[in-house]
Amino acid sequence: MTWTPETAYDAMKEIYTDDVMQEEKRRVFQQVYRHVYEHLEDLAAKDAVKQEVEDRMQLYKAYTFMPGDNLFQSMRYVFLLARGEKERDRAVTQQHLQRIYRALFSAAGLKNPVIPDSFWETPLGVSCLVADKGIEAVYPILDEMEIS
């Protein structure tokens, strides 16, 4: 198919529905949550998190909403851009992208995140690609999805 920005955004809206985005937030939350707890074990501080915080975290996972400026807000931001919302400030977009990359792909001993190629095939990865490079960057991905 020959894509235009308009047809590509329409396809993104159809493919990346609210339900898909909610599931992606839950998947990412589970990854980050598990990672944090593994590091708490490394520091012999697994019991440092109070039950009240544990309960709140389960609500965040269930409802995929966390108040304040956080990873969920960054994910929401890039999802909206991928579905056609206009970017207002490039610096804000970069801050959201860096938060996502840091949360998911920064090892303790590394300054820069190491992003695996498989990430770019996930709904969040595709959305980050649109936010970073523009909708034109995902035309080949949309071509593959059309074939499937």
N, C-alpha and C. Protein backbone atom coordinates (compact mmCIF):
# COMPACT_ATOMS: atom_id res chain seq x y z
N MET A 1 0.84 -1.18 0.00
CA MET A 1 0.00 0.00 0.00
C MET A 1 0.89 1.24 0.00
N THR A 2 0.42 2.27 -0.62
CA THR A 2 1.11 3.55 -0.59
C THR A 2 0.53 4.37 0.56
N TRP A 3 1.37 4.64 1.53
CA TRP A 3 0.92 5.32 2.74
C TRP A 3 1.08 6.83 2.62
N THR A 4 0.16 7.53 3.25
CA THR A 4 0.29 8.96 3.50
C THR A 4 0.22 9.11 5.01
N PRO A 5 0.64 10.24 5.53
CA PRO A 5 0.50 10.41 6.99
C PRO A 5 -0.94 10.19 7.47
N GLU A 6 -1.89 10.67 6.72
CA GLU A 6 -3.30 10.53 7.13
C GLU A 6 -3.73 9.07 7.17
N THR A 7 -3.41 8.30 6.11
CA THR A 7 -3.83 6.89 6.09
C THR A 7 -3.06 6.08 7.13
N ALA A 8 -1.81 6.44 7.37
CA ALA A 8 -1.02 5.74 8.38
C ALA A 8 -1.58 5.99 9.78
N TYR A 9 -1.90 7.23 10.09
CA TYR A 9 -2.51 7.53 11.40
C TYR A 9 -3.85 6.83 11.55
N ASP A 10 -4.63 6.77 10.49
CA ASP A 10 -5.91 6.05 10.56
C ASP A 10 -5.67 4.57 10.87
N ALA A 11 -4.67 3.99 10.22
CA ALA A 11 -4.35 2.59 10.49
C ALA A 11 -3.87 2.40 11.93
N MET A 12 -3.06 3.33 12.40
CA MET A 12 -2.57 3.23 13.79
C MET A 12 -3.73 3.31 14.78
N LYS A 13 -4.70 4.17 14.51
CA LYS A 13 -5.87 4.27 15.39
C LYS A 13 -6.66 2.96 15.39
N GLU A 14 -6.74 2.32 14.23
CA GLU A 14 -7.49 1.07 14.12
C GLU A 14 -6.75 -0.09 14.79
N ILE A 15 -5.43 -0.13 14.62
CA ILE A 15 -4.62 -1.23 15.16
C ILE A 15 -4.38 -1.07 16.66
N TYR A 16 -3.97 0.13 17.05
CA TYR A 16 -3.61 0.38 18.45
C TYR A 16 -4.77 1.03 19.18
N THR A 17 -5.76 0.20 19.46
CA THR A 17 -6.96 0.64 20.16
C THR A 17 -6.64 0.92 21.63
N ASP A 18 -7.60 1.49 22.33
CA ASP A 18 -7.43 1.72 23.76
C ASP A 18 -7.14 0.42 24.51
N ASP A 19 -7.82 -0.66 24.11
CA ASP A 19 -7.59 -1.95 24.78
C ASP A 19 -6.16 -2.45 24.57
N VAL A 20 -5.64 -2.31 23.37
CA VAL A 20 -4.26 -2.71 23.09
C VAL A 20 -3.30 -1.88 23.94
N MET A 21 -3.56 -0.59 24.02
CA MET A 21 -2.68 0.28 24.80
C MET A 21 -2.75 -0.05 26.30
N GLN A 22 -3.93 -0.39 26.80
CA GLN A 22 -4.06 -0.76 28.21
C GLN A 22 -3.27 -2.03 28.50
N GLU A 23 -3.38 -3.00 27.63
CA GLU A 23 -2.64 -4.25 27.82
C GLU A 23 -1.13 -4.00 27.76
N GLU A 24 -0.72 -3.12 26.87
CA GLU A 24 0.71 -2.79 26.77
C GLU A 24 1.19 -2.11 28.04
N LYS A 25 0.39 -1.23 28.61
CA LYS A 25 0.75 -0.60 29.88
C LYS A 25 0.89 -1.65 30.98
N ARG A 26 -0.03 -2.61 31.02
CA ARG A 26 0.05 -3.68 32.03
C ARG A 26 1.31 -4.52 31.84
N ARG A 27 1.62 -4.83 30.60
CA ARG A 27 2.82 -5.63 30.31
C ARG A 27 4.08 -4.91 30.77
N VAL A 28 4.17 -3.63 30.44
CA VAL A 28 5.35 -2.84 30.82
C VAL A 28 5.40 -2.66 32.33
N PHE A 29 4.27 -2.39 32.94
CA PHE A 29 4.23 -2.26 34.40
C PHE A 29 4.78 -3.52 35.06
N GLN A 30 4.35 -4.68 34.58
CA GLN A 30 4.81 -5.94 35.16
C GLN A 30 6.32 -6.10 35.01
N GLN A 31 6.86 -5.71 33.87
CA GLN A 31 8.32 -5.79 33.67
C GLN A 31 9.07 -4.90 34.66
N VAL A 32 8.64 -3.66 34.77
CA VAL A 32 9.33 -2.71 35.65
C VAL A 32 9.17 -3.13 37.11
N TYR A 33 7.97 -3.54 37.48
CA TYR A 33 7.68 -3.99 38.84
C TYR A 33 8.58 -5.17 39.23
N ARG A 34 8.66 -6.16 38.34
CA ARG A 34 9.51 -7.33 38.60
C ARG A 34 10.98 -6.91 38.74
N HIS A 35 11.40 -6.01 37.86
CA HIS A 35 12.79 -5.54 37.88
C HIS A 35 13.12 -4.84 39.21
N VAL A 36 12.23 -4.01 39.66
CA VAL A 36 12.44 -3.29 40.93
C VAL A 36 12.58 -4.30 42.08
N TYR A 37 11.69 -5.27 42.12
CA TYR A 37 11.74 -6.25 43.20
C TYR A 37 12.98 -7.14 43.14
N GLU A 38 13.45 -7.43 41.95
CA GLU A 38 14.69 -8.20 41.84
C GLU A 38 15.85 -7.40 42.41
N HIS A 39 15.88 -6.10 42.15
CA HIS A 39 16.95 -5.26 42.71
C HIS A 39 16.82 -5.09 44.22
N LEU A 40 15.60 -5.05 44.72
CA LEU A 40 15.43 -4.99 46.17
C LEU A 40 15.98 -6.26 46.82
N GLU A 41 15.77 -7.40 46.17
CA GLU A 41 16.36 -8.65 46.67
C GLU A 41 17.88 -8.58 46.64
N ASP A 42 18.45 -8.01 45.57
CA ASP A 42 19.90 -7.87 45.46
C ASP A 42 20.46 -7.05 46.62
N LEU A 43 19.67 -6.11 47.11
CA LEU A 43 20.10 -5.24 48.20
C LEU A 43 19.64 -5.75 49.57
N ALA A 44 19.08 -6.95 49.60
CA ALA A 44 18.54 -7.53 50.82
C ALA A 44 17.53 -6.60 51.47
N ALA A 45 16.70 -5.98 50.64
CA ALA A 45 15.72 -5.02 51.14
C ALA A 45 14.33 -5.31 50.58
N LYS A 46 14.07 -6.58 50.28
CA LYS A 46 12.79 -6.94 49.67
C LYS A 46 11.60 -6.54 50.55
N ASP A 47 11.77 -6.58 51.85
CA ASP A 47 10.67 -6.25 52.75
C ASP A 47 10.55 -4.74 53.01
N ALA A 48 11.31 -3.94 52.29
CA ALA A 48 11.29 -2.49 52.50
C ALA A 48 10.00 -1.84 52.01
N VAL A 49 9.29 -2.51 51.12
CA VAL A 49 8.06 -1.94 50.57
C VAL A 49 6.89 -2.32 51.47
N LYS A 50 6.20 -1.32 51.96
CA LYS A 50 5.07 -1.56 52.86
C LYS A 50 3.88 -2.13 52.10
N GLN A 51 3.01 -2.82 52.81
CA GLN A 51 1.83 -3.44 52.21
C GLN A 51 0.94 -2.39 51.54
N GLU A 52 0.87 -1.21 52.12
CA GLU A 52 0.06 -0.12 51.53
C GLU A 52 0.56 0.21 50.12
N VAL A 53 1.86 0.24 49.94
CA VAL A 53 2.44 0.52 48.64
C VAL A 53 2.17 -0.64 47.68
N GLU A 54 2.30 -1.85 48.19
CA GLU A 54 2.00 -3.04 47.37
C GLU A 54 0.55 -2.99 46.86
N ASP A 55 -0.37 -2.65 47.74
CA ASP A 55 -1.78 -2.58 47.36
C ASP A 55 -2.00 -1.49 46.32
N ARG A 56 -1.36 -0.35 46.50
CA ARG A 56 -1.50 0.75 45.54
C ARG A 56 -0.94 0.34 44.18
N MET A 57 0.19 -0.36 44.18
CA MET A 57 0.79 -0.80 42.93
C MET A 57 -0.15 -1.75 42.17
N GLN A 58 -0.85 -2.60 42.87
CA GLN A 58 -1.78 -3.51 42.20
C GLN A 58 -2.94 -2.74 41.58
N LEU A 59 -3.37 -1.65 42.22
CA LEU A 59 -4.40 -0.80 41.63
C LEU A 59 -3.87 -0.12 40.38
N TYR A 60 -2.63 0.37 40.41
CA TYR A 60 -2.03 1.00 39.24
C TYR A 60 -1.99 0.02 38.07
N LYS A 61 -1.60 -1.20 38.37
CA LYS A 61 -1.54 -2.21 37.31
C LYS A 61 -2.93 -2.49 36.75
N ALA A 62 -3.90 -2.63 37.63
CA ALA A 62 -5.25 -2.96 37.19
C ALA A 62 -5.86 -1.86 36.35
N TYR A 63 -5.67 -0.62 36.76
CA TYR A 63 -6.33 0.50 36.08
C TYR A 63 -5.42 1.24 35.11
N THR A 64 -4.18 0.83 35.03
CA THR A 64 -3.16 1.43 34.16
C THR A 64 -3.15 2.95 34.26
N PHE A 65 -3.34 3.43 35.46
CA PHE A 65 -3.25 4.86 35.73
C PHE A 65 -2.49 5.06 37.03
N MET A 66 -1.59 5.98 37.01
CA MET A 66 -0.80 6.34 38.18
C MET A 66 -0.76 7.87 38.21
N PRO A 67 -1.14 8.49 39.31
CA PRO A 67 -1.14 9.95 39.33
C PRO A 67 0.28 10.51 39.23
N GLY A 68 0.37 11.70 38.69
CA GLY A 68 1.66 12.38 38.61
C GLY A 68 2.37 12.14 37.29
N ASP A 69 3.56 12.67 37.20
CA ASP A 69 4.39 12.58 36.01
C ASP A 69 5.23 11.31 36.13
N ASN A 70 4.90 10.28 35.34
CA ASN A 70 5.53 8.98 35.53
C ASN A 70 5.55 8.19 34.22
N LEU A 71 5.98 6.95 34.31
CA LEU A 71 6.09 6.08 33.14
C LEU A 71 4.77 5.92 32.41
N PHE A 72 3.67 5.73 33.14
CA PHE A 72 2.37 5.59 32.48
C PHE A 72 2.01 6.84 31.67
N GLN A 73 2.32 8.01 32.21
CA GLN A 73 2.03 9.25 31.49
C GLN A 73 2.88 9.36 30.23
N SER A 74 4.13 8.91 30.32
CA SER A 74 5.00 8.92 29.14
C SER A 74 4.48 7.96 28.08
N MET A 75 4.02 6.79 28.50
CA MET A 75 3.46 5.84 27.55
C MET A 75 2.21 6.41 26.89
N ARG A 76 1.35 7.00 27.68
CA ARG A 76 0.13 7.61 27.15
C ARG A 76 0.50 8.68 26.12
N TYR A 77 1.48 9.48 26.44
CA TYR A 77 1.91 10.56 25.54
C TYR A 77 2.34 10.02 24.18
N VAL A 78 3.21 8.99 24.17
CA VAL A 78 3.68 8.47 22.88
C VAL A 78 2.57 7.72 22.15
N PHE A 79 1.67 7.06 22.89
CA PHE A 79 0.53 6.40 22.24
C PHE A 79 -0.33 7.43 21.51
N LEU A 80 -0.59 8.56 22.15
CA LEU A 80 -1.41 9.59 21.52
C LEU A 80 -0.74 10.16 20.28
N LEU A 81 0.57 10.37 20.35
CA LEU A 81 1.29 10.85 19.16
C LEU A 81 1.19 9.84 18.03
N ALA A 82 1.31 8.56 18.37
CA ALA A 82 1.27 7.50 17.35
C ALA A 82 -0.11 7.41 16.70
N ARG A 83 -1.12 7.86 17.41
CA ARG A 83 -2.48 7.82 16.87
C ARG A 83 -2.89 9.15 16.26
N GLY A 84 -1.94 10.07 16.11
CA GLY A 84 -2.22 11.27 15.34
C GLY A 84 -2.29 12.58 16.08
N GLU A 85 -2.15 12.55 17.41
CA GLU A 85 -2.17 13.83 18.11
C GLU A 85 -0.92 14.63 17.74
N LYS A 86 -1.08 15.91 17.59
CA LYS A 86 0.04 16.77 17.17
C LYS A 86 1.02 17.00 18.32
N GLU A 87 2.28 16.92 17.99
CA GLU A 87 3.33 17.21 18.96
C GLU A 87 3.37 18.71 19.21
N ARG A 88 3.43 19.09 20.48
CA ARG A 88 3.47 20.51 20.81
C ARG A 88 4.87 20.99 21.14
N ASP A 89 5.67 20.11 21.70
CA ASP A 89 7.01 20.52 22.14
C ASP A 89 7.96 19.33 21.99
N ARG A 90 8.95 19.46 21.12
CA ARG A 90 9.89 18.37 20.84
C ARG A 90 10.67 17.97 22.09
N ALA A 91 11.01 18.94 22.92
CA ALA A 91 11.77 18.64 24.15
C ALA A 91 10.95 17.76 25.10
N VAL A 92 9.66 18.01 25.19
CA VAL A 92 8.79 17.20 26.05
C VAL A 92 8.71 15.78 25.50
N THR A 93 8.59 15.65 24.20
CA THR A 93 8.56 14.32 23.58
C THR A 93 9.85 13.57 23.91
N GLN A 94 10.98 14.22 23.78
CA GLN A 94 12.26 13.57 24.08
C GLN A 94 12.34 13.16 25.55
N GLN A 95 11.82 13.97 26.45
CA GLN A 95 11.82 13.60 27.88
C GLN A 95 10.99 12.34 28.11
N HIS A 96 9.83 12.26 27.47
CA HIS A 96 8.99 11.06 27.63
C HIS A 96 9.69 9.83 27.05
N LEU A 97 10.29 9.98 25.87
CA LEU A 97 11.00 8.85 25.27
C LEU A 97 12.15 8.39 26.17
N GLN A 98 12.91 9.33 26.68
CA GLN A 98 14.04 8.97 27.55
C GLN A 98 13.57 8.27 28.81
N ARG A 99 12.44 8.69 29.37
CA ARG A 99 11.91 8.02 30.57
C ARG A 99 11.57 6.56 30.24
N ILE A 100 10.92 6.34 29.11
CA ILE A 100 10.56 4.98 28.71
C ILE A 100 11.81 4.13 28.50
N TYR A 101 12.76 4.64 27.75
CA TYR A 101 13.98 3.89 27.47
C TYR A 101 14.76 3.60 28.75
N ARG A 102 14.84 4.59 29.62
CA ARG A 102 15.58 4.41 30.88
C ARG A 102 14.90 3.36 31.76
N ALA A 103 13.57 3.45 31.88
CA ALA A 103 12.84 2.51 32.74
C ALA A 103 12.94 1.08 32.25
N LEU A 104 12.96 0.90 30.93
CA LEU A 104 12.92 -0.45 30.39
C LEU A 104 14.28 -1.03 30.01
N PHE A 105 15.25 -0.17 29.68
CA PHE A 105 16.46 -0.69 29.06
C PHE A 105 17.78 -0.17 29.62
N SER A 106 17.76 0.48 30.77
CA SER A 106 19.02 0.95 31.35
C SER A 106 19.46 0.01 32.46
N ALA A 107 20.58 -0.62 32.25
CA ALA A 107 21.16 -1.47 33.28
C ALA A 107 21.88 -0.59 34.30
N ALA A 108 22.02 -1.09 35.51
CA ALA A 108 22.62 -0.31 36.59
C ALA A 108 24.00 0.23 36.24
N GLY A 109 24.80 -0.52 35.54
CA GLY A 109 26.17 -0.11 35.25
C GLY A 109 26.35 0.66 33.95
N LEU A 110 25.27 0.91 33.23
CA LEU A 110 25.36 1.59 31.94
C LEU A 110 24.74 2.97 32.00
N LYS A 111 25.36 3.89 31.27
CA LYS A 111 24.83 5.25 31.22
C LYS A 111 23.69 5.35 30.20
N ASN A 112 23.81 4.65 29.08
CA ASN A 112 22.82 4.72 28.01
C ASN A 112 22.04 3.41 27.91
N PRO A 113 20.75 3.51 27.61
CA PRO A 113 19.95 2.29 27.47
C PRO A 113 20.38 1.46 26.25
N VAL A 114 20.24 0.16 26.38
CA VAL A 114 20.49 -0.76 25.27
C VAL A 114 19.13 -1.34 24.89
N ILE A 115 18.63 -0.90 23.74
CA ILE A 115 17.28 -1.26 23.32
C ILE A 115 17.34 -2.43 22.35
N PRO A 116 16.72 -3.56 22.69
CA PRO A 116 16.75 -4.71 21.79
C PRO A 116 15.88 -4.46 20.55
N ASP A 117 16.26 -5.06 19.45
CA ASP A 117 15.51 -4.90 18.20
C ASP A 117 14.04 -5.32 18.35
N SER A 118 13.79 -6.32 19.19
CA SER A 118 12.42 -6.82 19.35
C SER A 118 11.48 -5.76 19.94
N PHE A 119 12.03 -4.78 20.66
CA PHE A 119 11.19 -3.72 21.23
C PHE A 119 10.43 -2.97 20.15
N TRP A 120 11.05 -2.75 19.01
CA TRP A 120 10.45 -1.95 17.95
C TRP A 120 9.26 -2.64 17.29
N GLU A 121 9.02 -3.90 17.66
CA GLU A 121 7.88 -4.65 17.13
C GLU A 121 6.69 -4.63 18.10
N THR A 122 6.87 -4.09 19.29
CA THR A 122 5.80 -4.01 20.28
C THR A 122 4.96 -2.76 20.05
N PRO A 123 3.74 -2.74 20.56
CA PRO A 123 2.94 -1.51 20.42
C PRO A 123 3.66 -0.28 21.00
N LEU A 124 4.31 -0.43 22.14
CA LEU A 124 5.04 0.70 22.71
C LEU A 124 6.22 1.08 21.84
N GLY A 125 6.94 0.11 21.33
CA GLY A 125 8.08 0.39 20.46
C GLY A 125 7.68 1.12 19.20
N VAL A 126 6.60 0.67 18.58
CA VAL A 126 6.11 1.33 17.37
C VAL A 126 5.69 2.76 17.70
N SER A 127 5.02 2.94 18.83
CA SER A 127 4.60 4.28 19.24
C SER A 127 5.80 5.18 19.51
N CYS A 128 6.83 4.64 20.13
CA CYS A 128 8.06 5.42 20.38
C CYS A 128 8.72 5.79 19.05
N LEU A 129 8.72 4.87 18.12
CA LEU A 129 9.30 5.15 16.81
C LEU A 129 8.58 6.31 16.12
N VAL A 130 7.26 6.31 16.18
CA VAL A 130 6.49 7.41 15.61
C VAL A 130 6.83 8.72 16.33
N ALA A 131 6.88 8.68 17.66
CA ALA A 131 7.17 9.89 18.43
C ALA A 131 8.57 10.42 18.13
N ASP A 132 9.51 9.52 17.89
CA ASP A 132 10.90 9.92 17.68
C ASP A 132 11.20 10.29 16.22
N LYS A 133 10.73 9.47 15.29
CA LYS A 133 11.11 9.64 13.87
C LYS A 133 9.99 10.11 12.95
N GLY A 134 8.75 10.08 13.45
CA GLY A 134 7.62 10.48 12.61
C GLY A 134 6.89 9.26 12.07
N ILE A 135 5.67 9.48 11.63
CA ILE A 135 4.80 8.40 11.16
C ILE A 135 5.40 7.68 9.95
N GLU A 136 6.17 8.39 9.16
CA GLU A 136 6.77 7.78 7.97
C GLU A 136 7.68 6.61 8.33
N ALA A 137 8.25 6.64 9.52
CA ALA A 137 9.18 5.59 9.95
C ALA A 137 8.48 4.24 10.13
N VAL A 138 7.17 4.25 10.30
CA VAL A 138 6.47 2.98 10.52
C VAL A 138 5.72 2.47 9.29
N TYR A 139 5.88 3.12 8.15
CA TYR A 139 5.24 2.62 6.93
C TYR A 139 5.60 1.16 6.67
N PRO A 140 6.89 0.75 6.77
CA PRO A 140 7.21 -0.67 6.54
C PRO A 140 6.52 -1.61 7.54
N ILE A 141 6.39 -1.16 8.77
CA ILE A 141 5.71 -1.98 9.79
C ILE A 141 4.23 -2.11 9.44
N LEU A 142 3.63 -1.01 9.02
CA LEU A 142 2.22 -1.05 8.62
C LEU A 142 2.03 -1.96 7.40
N ASP A 143 2.99 -1.95 6.47
CA ASP A 143 2.91 -2.86 5.33
C ASP A 143 2.88 -4.31 5.79
N GLU A 144 3.74 -4.65 6.76
CA GLU A 144 3.77 -6.01 7.29
C GLU A 144 2.46 -6.37 7.97
N MET A 145 1.88 -5.44 8.70
CA MET A 145 0.62 -5.70 9.39
C MET A 145 -0.53 -5.89 8.41
N GLU A 146 -0.48 -5.18 7.31
CA GLU A 146 -1.53 -5.31 6.29
C GLU A 146 -1.52 -6.70 5.65
N ILE A 147 -0.34 -7.29 5.52
CA ILE A 147 -0.19 -8.61 4.92
C ILE A 147 -0.74 -9.69 5.85
N SER A 148 -0.50 -9.51 7.14
CA SER A 148 -0.89 -10.53 8.12
C SER A 148 -2.37 -10.76 8.19
